[in-house]
């Protein structure tokens, strides 16, 4: 617990006090409010973008892979049919 000066009467009071016991002024305090620094917000945004781009890249990569696999299988089937027709 630290002591601070009242903004109204300038007497020392607890930093946890909701009002000054000397002059009665009320302090607007939001308890348990967590302040997130600008740097932390920027890092969170960058990481979110990286994760989203990774997901999009994985989706596109998988689609390209499956399409190439389908084309290769069709090509092999066509070669097999051609080989069987020649025999």
Protein backbone atom coordinates (compact mmCIF):
# COMPACT_ATOMS: atom_id res chain seq x y z
CA UNK A 1 0.00 0.00 0.00
CA UNK A 2 1.46 3.32 -1.05
CA UNK A 3 0.55 6.80 0.07
CA UNK A 4 -0.48 9.39 -2.48
CA UNK A 5 -1.64 12.99 -2.20
CA UNK A 6 -5.35 13.74 -2.57
CA UNK A 7 -6.02 15.72 -5.72
CA UNK A 8 -8.44 18.01 -3.86
CA UNK A 9 -7.00 18.68 -0.38
CA UNK A 10 -3.41 17.45 -0.96
CA UNK A 11 -3.43 15.29 2.23
CA UNK A 12 -1.72 11.89 2.17
CA UNK A 13 -4.10 8.99 1.63
CA UNK A 14 -3.88 5.33 0.65
CA UNK A 15 -3.66 4.60 -3.05
CA UNK A 16 -6.37 1.97 -2.47
CA UNK A 17 -8.91 4.43 -1.04
CA UNK A 18 -12.13 5.03 -2.98
CA UNK A 19 -12.54 8.46 -1.45
CA UNK A 20 -10.49 10.89 0.62
CA UNK A 21 -11.24 10.56 4.37
CA UNK A 22 -10.31 14.24 4.85
CA UNK A 23 -12.31 16.07 2.18
CA UNK A 24 -14.60 13.26 0.98
CA UNK A 25 -13.80 13.55 -2.73
CA UNK A 26 -14.59 10.34 -4.58
CA UNK A 27 -12.03 8.75 -6.88
CA UNK A 28 -13.17 7.12 -10.10
CA UNK A 29 -11.16 3.91 -10.09
CA UNK A 30 -11.79 0.98 -12.34
CA UNK A 31 -10.58 -2.01 -10.40
CA UNK A 32 -8.83 -4.96 -12.01
CA UNK A 33 -8.47 -3.13 -15.30
CA UNK A 34 -5.57 -4.64 -17.17
CA UNK A 35 -3.68 -2.24 -19.38
CA UNK A 36 -2.19 -3.77 -22.49
CA UNK A 37 0.75 -1.90 -23.92
CA UNK A 38 0.83 -0.75 -27.52
CA UNK A 39 3.79 -3.04 -28.19
CA UNK A 40 1.85 -6.06 -26.92
CA UNK A 41 -1.13 -5.16 -29.12
CA UNK A 42 1.10 -4.87 -32.18
CA UNK A 43 2.73 -8.23 -31.46
CA UNK A 44 -0.70 -9.84 -31.02
CA UNK A 45 -1.91 -8.38 -34.33
CA UNK A 46 1.21 -9.55 -36.16
CA UNK A 47 0.93 -13.07 -34.72
CA UNK A 48 -2.76 -13.19 -35.66
CA UNK A 49 -1.95 -12.17 -39.22
CA UNK A 50 0.80 -14.81 -39.44
CA UNK A 51 -1.58 -17.51 -38.17
CA UNK A 52 -4.31 -16.47 -40.61
CA UNK A 53 -1.88 -16.36 -43.54
CA UNK A 54 -0.53 -19.75 -42.52
CA UNK A 55 -4.03 -21.20 -42.56
CA UNK A 56 -4.77 -19.68 -45.95
CA UNK A 57 -1.44 -20.93 -47.31
CA UNK A 58 -2.11 -24.43 -46.00
CA UNK A 59 -5.55 -24.46 -47.59
CA UNK A 60 -4.22 -23.27 -50.95
CA UNK A 61 -1.25 -25.65 -50.79
CA UNK A 62 -3.49 -28.61 -50.04
CA UNK A 63 -5.80 -27.73 -52.94
CA UNK A 64 -2.84 -27.44 -55.32
CA UNK A 65 -1.48 -30.77 -54.06
CA UNK A 66 -4.78 -32.60 -54.55
CA UNK A 67 -5.29 -31.08 -58.00
CA UNK A 68 -1.78 -32.08 -59.09
CA UNK A 69 -2.34 -35.56 -57.69
CA UNK A 70 -5.62 -35.88 -59.61
CA UNK A 71 -3.92 -34.76 -62.84
CA UNK A 72 -1.05 -37.21 -62.30
CA UNK A 73 -3.47 -40.08 -61.66
CA UNK A 74 -5.42 -39.23 -64.82
CA UNK A 75 -2.17 -39.13 -66.78
CA UNK A 76 -1.10 -42.52 -65.42
CA UNK A 77 -4.54 -44.00 -66.19
CA UNK A 78 -4.34 -42.67 -69.75
CA UNK A 79 -0.83 -44.11 -70.20
CA UNK A 80 -2.00 -47.47 -68.81
CA UNK A 81 -5.02 -47.53 -71.16
CA UNK A 82 -2.79 -46.63 -74.11
CA UNK A 83 -0.31 -49.36 -73.18
CA UNK A 84 -3.13 -51.92 -72.90
CA UNK A 85 -4.54 -50.89 -76.30
CA UNK A 86 -1.12 -51.38 -77.92
CA UNK A 87 -0.84 -54.96 -76.66
